[in-house]
N, C-alpha and C. Protein backbone atom coordinates (compact mmCIF):
# COMPACT_ATOMS: atom_id res chain seq x y z
N MET A 1 0.83 -1.19 0.00
CA MET A 1 0.00 0.00 0.00
C MET A 1 0.87 1.26 0.00
N ARG A 2 1.94 1.19 0.76
CA ARG A 2 2.84 2.34 0.85
C ARG A 2 3.46 2.64 -0.51
N GLU A 3 3.75 1.58 -1.30
CA GLU A 3 4.34 1.77 -2.62
C GLU A 3 3.39 2.51 -3.55
N GLN A 4 2.10 2.19 -3.47
CA GLN A 4 1.12 2.87 -4.31
C GLN A 4 1.03 4.35 -3.97
N LEU A 5 1.05 4.68 -2.69
CA LEU A 5 1.01 6.08 -2.28
C LEU A 5 2.26 6.82 -2.75
N ASP A 6 3.42 6.18 -2.65
CA ASP A 6 4.65 6.81 -3.12
C ASP A 6 4.58 7.07 -4.63
N PHE A 7 4.03 6.10 -5.37
CA PHE A 7 3.90 6.26 -6.82
C PHE A 7 2.99 7.45 -7.16
N VAL A 8 1.85 7.56 -6.45
CA VAL A 8 0.93 8.67 -6.69
C VAL A 8 1.59 9.99 -6.34
N GLU A 9 2.28 10.05 -5.22
CA GLU A 9 2.93 11.30 -4.81
C GLU A 9 3.99 11.72 -5.80
N THR A 10 4.79 10.78 -6.30
CA THR A 10 5.84 11.15 -7.25
C THR A 10 5.26 11.56 -8.60
N THR A 11 4.15 10.93 -8.99
CA THR A 11 3.51 11.30 -10.25
C THR A 11 2.95 12.72 -10.17
N VAL A 12 2.31 13.04 -9.05
CA VAL A 12 1.76 14.38 -8.88
C VAL A 12 2.88 15.40 -8.80
N GLU A 13 3.97 15.05 -8.13
CA GLU A 13 5.09 15.99 -8.00
C GLU A 13 5.73 16.27 -9.35
N ARG A 14 5.74 15.29 -10.25
CA ARG A 14 6.39 15.48 -11.55
C ARG A 14 5.60 16.39 -12.48
N ARG A 15 4.30 16.48 -12.27
CA ARG A 15 3.49 17.36 -13.12
C ARG A 15 3.79 18.80 -12.78
N SER A 16 4.15 19.55 -13.76
CA SER A 16 4.39 20.97 -13.50
C SER A 16 3.27 21.78 -14.14
N PHE A 17 2.72 22.67 -13.37
CA PHE A 17 1.69 23.56 -13.88
C PHE A 17 2.37 24.88 -14.22
N SER A 18 2.67 25.05 -15.47
CA SER A 18 3.30 26.30 -15.86
C SER A 18 2.24 27.37 -16.05
N ARG A 19 2.65 28.57 -15.92
CA ARG A 19 1.71 29.69 -16.08
C ARG A 19 1.12 29.72 -17.49
N SER A 20 1.92 29.41 -18.46
CA SER A 20 1.42 29.46 -19.84
C SER A 20 0.30 28.45 -20.06
N LYS A 21 0.40 27.27 -19.47
CA LYS A 21 -0.66 26.28 -19.61
C LYS A 21 -1.94 26.76 -18.93
N VAL A 22 -1.78 27.35 -17.76
CA VAL A 22 -2.95 27.86 -17.04
C VAL A 22 -3.59 29.00 -17.82
N LEU A 23 -2.78 29.91 -18.34
CA LEU A 23 -3.32 31.04 -19.11
C LEU A 23 -4.02 30.56 -20.38
N ILE A 24 -3.45 29.58 -21.05
CA ILE A 24 -4.08 29.05 -22.26
C ILE A 24 -5.41 28.40 -21.92
N THR A 25 -5.45 27.66 -20.83
CA THR A 25 -6.69 27.01 -20.41
C THR A 25 -7.76 28.04 -20.07
N VAL A 26 -7.38 29.08 -19.34
CA VAL A 26 -8.34 30.13 -18.98
C VAL A 26 -8.81 30.86 -20.24
N ALA A 27 -7.89 31.18 -21.15
CA ALA A 27 -8.26 31.89 -22.38
C ALA A 27 -9.22 31.05 -23.23
N LEU A 28 -8.95 29.76 -23.34
CA LEU A 28 -9.85 28.89 -24.11
C LEU A 28 -11.22 28.78 -23.44
N SER A 29 -11.25 28.75 -22.13
CA SER A 29 -12.53 28.68 -21.42
C SER A 29 -13.33 29.95 -21.64
N VAL A 30 -12.68 31.10 -21.55
CA VAL A 30 -13.36 32.38 -21.78
C VAL A 30 -13.85 32.46 -23.22
N ALA A 31 -13.03 32.02 -24.18
CA ALA A 31 -13.45 32.05 -25.58
C ALA A 31 -14.66 31.14 -25.81
N ALA A 32 -14.68 29.99 -25.16
CA ALA A 32 -15.83 29.09 -25.31
C ALA A 32 -17.09 29.70 -24.73
N ILE A 33 -16.97 30.36 -23.59
CA ILE A 33 -18.13 31.02 -22.96
C ILE A 33 -18.64 32.14 -23.85
N LEU A 34 -17.74 32.97 -24.39
CA LEU A 34 -18.15 34.06 -25.28
C LEU A 34 -18.79 33.52 -26.56
N ALA A 35 -18.29 32.41 -27.08
CA ALA A 35 -18.90 31.81 -28.27
C ALA A 35 -20.31 31.33 -27.98
N LEU A 36 -20.52 30.75 -26.80
CA LEU A 36 -21.87 30.32 -26.42
C LEU A 36 -22.81 31.51 -26.27
N ILE A 37 -22.32 32.59 -25.67
CA ILE A 37 -23.15 33.79 -25.52
C ILE A 37 -23.50 34.36 -26.90
N GLY A 38 -22.53 34.42 -27.80
CA GLY A 38 -22.78 34.92 -29.15
C GLY A 38 -23.77 34.06 -29.91
N ALA A 39 -23.64 32.74 -29.79
CA ALA A 39 -24.58 31.84 -30.46
C ALA A 39 -25.97 32.00 -29.89
N GLY A 40 -26.06 32.17 -28.58
CA GLY A 40 -27.37 32.39 -27.94
C GLY A 40 -28.00 33.69 -28.41
N SER A 41 -27.19 34.74 -28.53
CA SER A 41 -27.70 36.03 -28.99
C SER A 41 -28.20 35.94 -30.43
N LEU A 42 -27.44 35.28 -31.29
CA LEU A 42 -27.88 35.11 -32.68
C LEU A 42 -29.17 34.30 -32.75
N ALA A 43 -29.24 33.25 -31.95
CA ALA A 43 -30.47 32.44 -31.94
C ALA A 43 -31.64 33.27 -31.45
N TRP A 44 -31.43 34.09 -30.42
CA TRP A 44 -32.50 34.93 -29.88
C TRP A 44 -32.98 35.92 -30.93
N ASN A 45 -32.05 36.55 -31.66
CA ASN A 45 -32.41 37.60 -32.61
C ASN A 45 -32.93 37.08 -33.94
N PHE A 46 -32.54 35.88 -34.35
CA PHE A 46 -32.93 35.43 -35.68
C PHE A 46 -33.76 34.14 -35.69
N VAL A 47 -33.85 33.46 -34.57
CA VAL A 47 -34.67 32.26 -34.51
C VAL A 47 -35.91 32.52 -33.67
N VAL A 48 -35.70 33.03 -32.45
CA VAL A 48 -36.83 33.31 -31.57
C VAL A 48 -37.57 34.55 -32.07
N TYR A 49 -36.86 35.67 -32.24
CA TYR A 49 -37.44 36.91 -32.79
C TYR A 49 -37.01 37.02 -34.25
N GLN A 50 -37.86 36.57 -35.16
CA GLN A 50 -37.52 36.56 -36.57
C GLN A 50 -37.90 37.88 -37.23
N PRO A 51 -37.07 38.36 -38.17
CA PRO A 51 -37.44 39.55 -38.93
C PRO A 51 -38.67 39.26 -39.80
N THR A 52 -39.71 40.09 -39.67
CA THR A 52 -40.93 39.94 -40.46
C THR A 52 -41.28 41.29 -41.07
N ASP A 53 -42.41 41.36 -41.76
CA ASP A 53 -42.84 42.65 -42.33
C ASP A 53 -43.29 43.61 -41.24
N ARG A 54 -43.63 43.12 -40.04
CA ARG A 54 -44.00 43.99 -38.91
C ARG A 54 -42.78 44.46 -38.15
N GLY A 55 -41.71 43.68 -38.14
CA GLY A 55 -40.51 43.98 -37.36
C GLY A 55 -39.89 42.68 -36.89
N SER A 56 -39.15 42.74 -35.77
CA SER A 56 -38.56 41.53 -35.19
C SER A 56 -39.56 40.94 -34.22
N CYS A 57 -40.23 39.88 -34.63
CA CYS A 57 -41.34 39.31 -33.85
C CYS A 57 -41.06 37.87 -33.48
N LEU A 58 -41.74 37.41 -32.43
CA LEU A 58 -41.62 36.02 -32.03
C LEU A 58 -42.07 35.12 -33.17
N SER A 59 -41.36 34.03 -33.37
CA SER A 59 -41.69 33.14 -34.48
C SER A 59 -43.04 32.47 -34.29
N PHE A 60 -43.46 32.24 -33.06
CA PHE A 60 -44.74 31.57 -32.83
C PHE A 60 -45.87 32.53 -32.51
N ASN A 61 -45.60 33.83 -32.41
CA ASN A 61 -46.64 34.83 -32.15
C ASN A 61 -46.25 36.13 -32.82
N SER A 62 -46.78 36.41 -33.99
CA SER A 62 -46.36 37.58 -34.76
C SER A 62 -46.83 38.90 -34.14
N HIS A 63 -47.63 38.86 -33.09
CA HIS A 63 -48.06 40.10 -32.44
C HIS A 63 -47.17 40.47 -31.26
N ASP A 64 -46.19 39.65 -30.95
CA ASP A 64 -45.26 39.94 -29.85
C ASP A 64 -43.92 40.28 -30.47
N CYS A 65 -43.66 41.59 -30.61
CA CYS A 65 -42.46 42.06 -31.31
C CYS A 65 -41.60 42.91 -30.39
N LYS A 66 -40.28 42.81 -30.58
CA LYS A 66 -39.39 43.66 -29.81
C LYS A 66 -39.04 44.93 -30.58
N SER A 67 -39.35 44.98 -31.87
CA SER A 67 -39.21 46.21 -32.65
C SER A 67 -40.17 46.14 -33.83
N LEU A 68 -40.63 47.32 -34.26
CA LEU A 68 -41.60 47.41 -35.36
C LEU A 68 -40.99 48.19 -36.52
N THR A 69 -41.45 47.90 -37.73
CA THR A 69 -41.00 48.64 -38.91
C THR A 69 -41.76 49.98 -38.98
N ARG A 70 -41.26 50.89 -39.81
CA ARG A 70 -41.93 52.18 -40.00
C ARG A 70 -43.36 51.99 -40.49
N ALA A 71 -43.55 51.08 -41.44
CA ALA A 71 -44.89 50.85 -41.98
C ALA A 71 -45.83 50.32 -40.91
N ALA A 72 -45.33 49.43 -40.05
CA ALA A 72 -46.17 48.89 -38.97
C ALA A 72 -46.51 49.98 -37.96
N ILE A 73 -45.57 50.89 -37.70
CA ILE A 73 -45.83 52.00 -36.77
C ILE A 73 -46.89 52.93 -37.35
N GLU A 74 -46.76 53.27 -38.63
CA GLU A 74 -47.75 54.15 -39.26
C GLU A 74 -49.13 53.51 -39.27
N ASP A 75 -49.19 52.22 -39.53
CA ASP A 75 -50.47 51.51 -39.53
C ASP A 75 -51.04 51.41 -38.12
N MET A 76 -50.20 51.10 -37.17
CA MET A 76 -50.64 50.96 -35.78
C MET A 76 -51.17 52.28 -35.23
N GLY A 77 -50.45 53.35 -35.45
CA GLY A 77 -50.84 54.64 -34.88
C GLY A 77 -51.74 55.49 -35.75
N GLN A 78 -51.99 55.04 -36.99
CA GLN A 78 -52.77 55.83 -37.94
C GLN A 78 -52.16 57.22 -38.09
N VAL A 79 -50.83 57.26 -38.28
CA VAL A 79 -50.09 58.50 -38.46
C VAL A 79 -49.18 58.34 -39.68
N SER A 80 -48.71 59.47 -40.19
CA SER A 80 -47.68 59.46 -41.23
C SER A 80 -46.41 60.02 -40.62
N LEU A 81 -45.36 59.23 -40.63
CA LEU A 81 -44.08 59.68 -40.09
C LEU A 81 -43.35 60.52 -41.13
N PRO A 82 -42.70 61.61 -40.72
CA PRO A 82 -41.89 62.37 -41.67
C PRO A 82 -40.72 61.51 -42.17
N GLU A 83 -40.22 61.81 -43.34
CA GLU A 83 -39.12 61.04 -43.93
C GLU A 83 -37.89 61.01 -43.03
N ASP A 84 -37.60 62.13 -42.36
CA ASP A 84 -36.39 62.21 -41.55
C ASP A 84 -36.59 61.73 -40.12
N ALA A 85 -37.76 61.21 -39.80
CA ALA A 85 -38.02 60.71 -38.44
C ALA A 85 -37.21 59.44 -38.21
N ARG A 86 -36.76 59.28 -36.96
CA ARG A 86 -35.95 58.12 -36.60
C ARG A 86 -36.64 57.37 -35.47
N VAL A 87 -36.88 56.08 -35.66
CA VAL A 87 -37.52 55.26 -34.63
C VAL A 87 -36.46 54.88 -33.60
N LEU A 88 -36.67 55.31 -32.35
CA LEU A 88 -35.73 55.00 -31.28
C LEU A 88 -36.03 53.66 -30.62
N ARG A 89 -37.29 53.42 -30.29
CA ARG A 89 -37.72 52.17 -29.66
C ARG A 89 -39.13 51.87 -30.12
N SER A 90 -39.44 50.60 -30.20
CA SER A 90 -40.80 50.20 -30.53
C SER A 90 -40.99 48.75 -30.12
N GLY A 91 -42.25 48.36 -30.05
CA GLY A 91 -42.54 46.98 -29.70
C GLY A 91 -44.03 46.75 -29.60
N SER A 92 -44.38 45.50 -29.41
CA SER A 92 -45.79 45.16 -29.25
C SER A 92 -45.90 43.89 -28.43
N GLY A 93 -47.05 43.70 -27.86
CA GLY A 93 -47.30 42.50 -27.07
C GLY A 93 -48.76 42.12 -27.13
N LYS A 94 -49.03 40.86 -26.86
CA LYS A 94 -50.41 40.39 -26.93
C LYS A 94 -50.64 39.39 -25.81
N THR A 95 -51.77 39.53 -25.14
CA THR A 95 -52.20 38.56 -24.14
C THR A 95 -53.52 37.97 -24.61
N LEU A 96 -54.13 37.17 -23.78
CA LEU A 96 -55.43 36.59 -24.15
C LEU A 96 -56.52 37.64 -24.23
N LYS A 97 -56.40 38.73 -23.44
CA LYS A 97 -57.46 39.73 -23.37
C LYS A 97 -57.17 41.02 -24.12
N SER A 98 -55.89 41.33 -24.38
CA SER A 98 -55.59 42.61 -25.01
C SER A 98 -54.29 42.54 -25.80
N ALA A 99 -54.08 43.57 -26.60
CA ALA A 99 -52.84 43.73 -27.36
C ALA A 99 -52.44 45.19 -27.29
N SER A 100 -51.15 45.44 -27.27
CA SER A 100 -50.68 46.82 -27.24
C SER A 100 -49.43 46.95 -28.10
N SER A 101 -49.26 48.13 -28.67
CA SER A 101 -48.09 48.45 -29.48
C SER A 101 -47.66 49.86 -29.12
N TYR A 102 -46.36 50.13 -29.24
CA TYR A 102 -45.87 51.48 -28.95
C TYR A 102 -44.65 51.77 -29.81
N ALA A 103 -44.35 53.06 -29.95
CA ALA A 103 -43.14 53.49 -30.65
C ALA A 103 -42.71 54.84 -30.09
N VAL A 104 -41.42 55.02 -29.95
CA VAL A 104 -40.83 56.31 -29.59
C VAL A 104 -40.05 56.76 -30.81
N VAL A 105 -40.43 57.93 -31.35
CA VAL A 105 -39.88 58.42 -32.60
C VAL A 105 -39.25 59.78 -32.37
N GLU A 106 -38.04 59.97 -32.92
CA GLU A 106 -37.40 61.29 -32.85
C GLU A 106 -37.79 62.08 -34.09
N LEU A 107 -38.23 63.32 -33.87
CA LEU A 107 -38.65 64.21 -34.96
C LEU A 107 -37.62 65.33 -35.08
N PRO A 108 -36.66 65.21 -36.00
CA PRO A 108 -35.62 66.24 -36.11
C PRO A 108 -36.16 67.55 -36.67
N GLY A 109 -35.53 68.63 -36.26
CA GLY A 109 -35.92 69.96 -36.76
C GLY A 109 -37.35 70.30 -36.45
N ASP A 110 -38.06 70.81 -37.45
CA ASP A 110 -39.46 71.18 -37.25
C ASP A 110 -40.40 70.15 -37.89
N SER A 111 -39.95 68.90 -38.00
CA SER A 111 -40.79 67.83 -38.55
C SER A 111 -42.01 67.61 -37.67
N GLU A 112 -43.10 67.28 -38.29
CA GLU A 112 -44.35 67.03 -37.56
C GLU A 112 -44.96 65.72 -38.01
N LEU A 113 -45.64 65.08 -37.10
CA LEU A 113 -46.43 63.90 -37.44
C LEU A 113 -47.71 64.35 -38.12
N ILE A 114 -48.16 63.62 -39.10
CA ILE A 114 -49.45 63.88 -39.71
C ILE A 114 -50.42 62.86 -39.12
N LEU A 115 -51.38 63.36 -38.35
CA LEU A 115 -52.33 62.49 -37.66
C LEU A 115 -53.55 62.22 -38.52
N ASN A 116 -54.16 61.08 -38.32
CA ASN A 116 -55.43 60.73 -38.93
C ASN A 116 -56.45 61.80 -38.53
N SER A 117 -57.40 62.10 -39.39
CA SER A 117 -58.37 63.17 -39.11
C SER A 117 -59.28 62.84 -37.92
N ASN A 118 -59.32 61.61 -37.49
CA ASN A 118 -60.16 61.23 -36.35
C ASN A 118 -59.53 61.54 -34.99
N TYR A 119 -58.27 61.92 -34.98
CA TYR A 119 -57.62 62.26 -33.71
C TYR A 119 -58.19 63.54 -33.13
N ARG A 120 -58.38 63.58 -31.83
CA ARG A 120 -58.73 64.81 -31.12
C ARG A 120 -57.47 65.30 -30.43
N GLU A 121 -57.03 66.47 -30.84
CA GLU A 121 -55.77 66.99 -30.33
C GLU A 121 -56.03 67.96 -29.18
N THR A 122 -55.21 67.86 -28.14
CA THR A 122 -55.33 68.77 -27.00
C THR A 122 -53.95 69.29 -26.64
N LYS A 123 -53.91 70.48 -26.10
CA LYS A 123 -52.65 71.01 -25.59
C LYS A 123 -52.42 70.41 -24.22
N SER A 124 -51.19 70.25 -23.87
CA SER A 124 -50.86 69.64 -22.59
C SER A 124 -50.28 70.68 -21.66
N ASP A 125 -50.38 70.42 -20.37
CA ASP A 125 -49.80 71.33 -19.38
C ASP A 125 -48.31 71.07 -19.20
N GLY A 126 -47.74 70.19 -19.98
CA GLY A 126 -46.31 69.92 -19.91
C GLY A 126 -45.94 68.64 -19.20
N THR A 127 -46.85 68.14 -18.38
CA THR A 127 -46.53 66.90 -17.66
C THR A 127 -46.87 65.69 -18.52
N ALA A 128 -46.02 64.71 -18.44
CA ALA A 128 -46.23 63.48 -19.20
C ALA A 128 -46.65 62.37 -18.25
N PRO A 129 -47.54 61.48 -18.69
CA PRO A 129 -47.87 60.32 -17.86
C PRO A 129 -46.60 59.51 -17.55
N ALA A 130 -46.63 58.76 -16.49
CA ALA A 130 -45.44 58.03 -16.03
C ALA A 130 -44.87 57.11 -17.11
N TYR A 131 -45.73 56.38 -17.82
CA TYR A 131 -45.21 55.45 -18.82
C TYR A 131 -44.61 56.18 -20.01
N VAL A 132 -45.07 57.41 -20.28
CA VAL A 132 -44.49 58.21 -21.36
C VAL A 132 -43.15 58.78 -20.91
N ARG A 133 -43.06 59.19 -19.65
CA ARG A 133 -41.78 59.65 -19.09
C ARG A 133 -40.76 58.51 -19.11
N ASP A 134 -41.21 57.31 -18.77
CA ASP A 134 -40.31 56.15 -18.80
C ASP A 134 -39.78 55.88 -20.20
N ALA A 135 -40.55 56.25 -21.21
CA ALA A 135 -40.14 56.05 -22.60
C ALA A 135 -39.16 57.13 -23.07
N GLY A 136 -38.97 58.20 -22.29
CA GLY A 136 -37.99 59.21 -22.65
C GLY A 136 -38.50 60.62 -22.83
N LEU A 137 -39.82 60.84 -22.81
CA LEU A 137 -40.35 62.20 -22.96
C LEU A 137 -40.39 62.87 -21.59
N VAL A 138 -39.69 63.97 -21.45
CA VAL A 138 -39.66 64.70 -20.19
C VAL A 138 -40.88 65.60 -20.07
N SER A 139 -41.21 66.28 -21.17
CA SER A 139 -42.40 67.14 -21.16
C SER A 139 -43.20 66.88 -22.43
N VAL A 140 -44.50 67.14 -22.33
CA VAL A 140 -45.41 66.91 -23.45
C VAL A 140 -46.04 68.23 -23.86
N ASP A 141 -45.91 68.58 -25.15
CA ASP A 141 -46.53 69.80 -25.68
C ASP A 141 -47.95 69.51 -26.16
N THR A 142 -48.09 68.39 -26.86
CA THR A 142 -49.37 68.05 -27.47
C THR A 142 -49.72 66.59 -27.18
N ALA A 143 -50.98 66.37 -26.89
CA ALA A 143 -51.48 65.00 -26.72
C ALA A 143 -52.69 64.85 -27.63
N ALA A 144 -52.83 63.69 -28.22
CA ALA A 144 -53.98 63.44 -29.10
C ALA A 144 -54.47 62.02 -28.86
N ALA A 145 -55.78 61.84 -28.95
CA ALA A 145 -56.37 60.52 -28.76
C ALA A 145 -57.33 60.22 -29.89
N PHE A 146 -57.47 58.95 -30.20
CA PHE A 146 -58.32 58.51 -31.29
C PHE A 146 -58.94 57.19 -30.85
N THR A 147 -60.24 57.19 -30.63
CA THR A 147 -60.95 55.98 -30.24
C THR A 147 -61.69 55.47 -31.46
N GLU A 148 -61.14 54.43 -32.06
CA GLU A 148 -61.73 53.87 -33.29
C GLU A 148 -63.03 53.15 -32.98
N SER A 149 -63.03 52.41 -31.90
CA SER A 149 -64.23 51.71 -31.44
C SER A 149 -64.09 51.55 -29.93
N SER A 150 -65.02 50.87 -29.33
CA SER A 150 -64.95 50.73 -27.88
C SER A 150 -63.75 49.89 -27.43
N ASN A 151 -63.16 49.15 -28.35
CA ASN A 151 -62.04 48.32 -27.93
C ASN A 151 -60.70 48.69 -28.57
N VAL A 152 -60.61 49.80 -29.30
CA VAL A 152 -59.35 50.24 -29.90
C VAL A 152 -59.11 51.70 -29.54
N ILE A 153 -58.01 51.95 -28.84
CA ILE A 153 -57.66 53.32 -28.45
C ILE A 153 -56.24 53.60 -28.92
N ARG A 154 -56.07 54.74 -29.58
CA ARG A 154 -54.75 55.18 -30.03
C ARG A 154 -54.44 56.52 -29.39
N LYS A 155 -53.19 56.69 -28.96
CA LYS A 155 -52.77 57.96 -28.37
C LYS A 155 -51.42 58.36 -28.94
N VAL A 156 -51.23 59.67 -29.06
CA VAL A 156 -49.96 60.23 -29.50
C VAL A 156 -49.59 61.35 -28.56
N PHE A 157 -48.35 61.33 -28.07
CA PHE A 157 -47.82 62.41 -27.23
C PHE A 157 -46.60 62.97 -27.94
N VAL A 158 -46.55 64.28 -28.12
CA VAL A 158 -45.40 64.94 -28.74
C VAL A 158 -44.81 65.89 -27.72
N GLY A 159 -43.50 65.82 -27.55
CA GLY A 159 -42.85 66.68 -26.56
C GLY A 159 -41.35 66.63 -26.75
N SER A 160 -40.63 66.82 -25.65
CA SER A 160 -39.18 66.84 -25.74
C SER A 160 -38.57 65.84 -24.77
N GLY A 161 -37.39 65.35 -25.16
CA GLY A 161 -36.66 64.41 -24.34
C GLY A 161 -35.68 65.12 -23.42
N GLU A 162 -34.89 64.34 -22.71
CA GLU A 162 -33.94 64.91 -21.75
C GLU A 162 -32.90 65.79 -22.42
N GLY A 163 -32.49 65.45 -23.63
CA GLY A 163 -31.49 66.23 -24.34
C GLY A 163 -32.07 67.38 -25.14
N GLY A 164 -33.37 67.63 -25.01
CA GLY A 164 -34.01 68.71 -25.74
C GLY A 164 -34.52 68.29 -27.11
N GLU A 165 -34.26 67.06 -27.52
CA GLU A 165 -34.73 66.59 -28.82
C GLU A 165 -36.24 66.44 -28.81
N ARG A 166 -36.83 66.60 -29.98
CA ARG A 166 -38.28 66.51 -30.13
C ARG A 166 -38.65 65.04 -30.34
N LEU A 167 -39.53 64.53 -29.48
CA LEU A 167 -39.91 63.12 -29.52
C LEU A 167 -41.42 62.96 -29.63
N ALA A 168 -41.83 61.83 -30.17
CA ALA A 168 -43.24 61.46 -30.21
C ALA A 168 -43.37 60.05 -29.64
N TYR A 169 -44.38 59.87 -28.81
CA TYR A 169 -44.71 58.55 -28.27
C TYR A 169 -46.05 58.15 -28.88
N ILE A 170 -46.08 57.05 -29.61
CA ILE A 170 -47.28 56.60 -30.31
C ILE A 170 -47.67 55.25 -29.71
N GLU A 171 -48.96 55.10 -29.38
CA GLU A 171 -49.39 53.82 -28.82
C GLU A 171 -50.76 53.42 -29.33
N GLU A 172 -50.99 52.13 -29.32
CA GLU A 172 -52.30 51.58 -29.66
C GLU A 172 -52.61 50.50 -28.63
N TRP A 173 -53.85 50.48 -28.18
CA TRP A 173 -54.29 49.47 -27.22
C TRP A 173 -55.57 48.85 -27.74
N ARG A 174 -55.63 47.53 -27.76
CA ARG A 174 -56.82 46.80 -28.23
C ARG A 174 -57.28 45.85 -27.14
N ASP A 175 -58.58 45.86 -26.89
CA ASP A 175 -59.19 44.94 -25.94
C ASP A 175 -59.98 43.91 -26.73
N PHE A 176 -59.83 42.65 -26.39
CA PHE A 176 -60.54 41.59 -27.13
C PHE A 176 -61.81 41.17 -26.45
């Protein structure tokens, strides 16, 4: 038994762990982890959320999107976006009882949204609802609402962001 222990001890003693071997092992481990993260991100963006005509939507539910196209935003909000408008954030979601869509759009210069004639426009006192503030609008100059039917409500808020840029928050809510 003593001979076996001596053999194990001498074998372990003969192994040298050089720094270069340790560094190579750590570098390969980190590279493997980063490759897995990258593959997961690609799968998330192109398999789970597939590019569609509406935007990047879930493959099994086209109404649950993490971003919307300009055409989908114009259709959703019943607005015409100026050519130079830039979509900052957008998305949509659907549950069993309701669906909602939103977009935050930057309006450079003196660009204006063209609203559907059914919108009722009101001047605002400058305060934005909490969810609109969370989207980036610090103050609201104009608010407009459009109730298509008892179960479809569209709202548009135009104001300014933290950096003074002119922003519009467009939303649609549907009850089933």
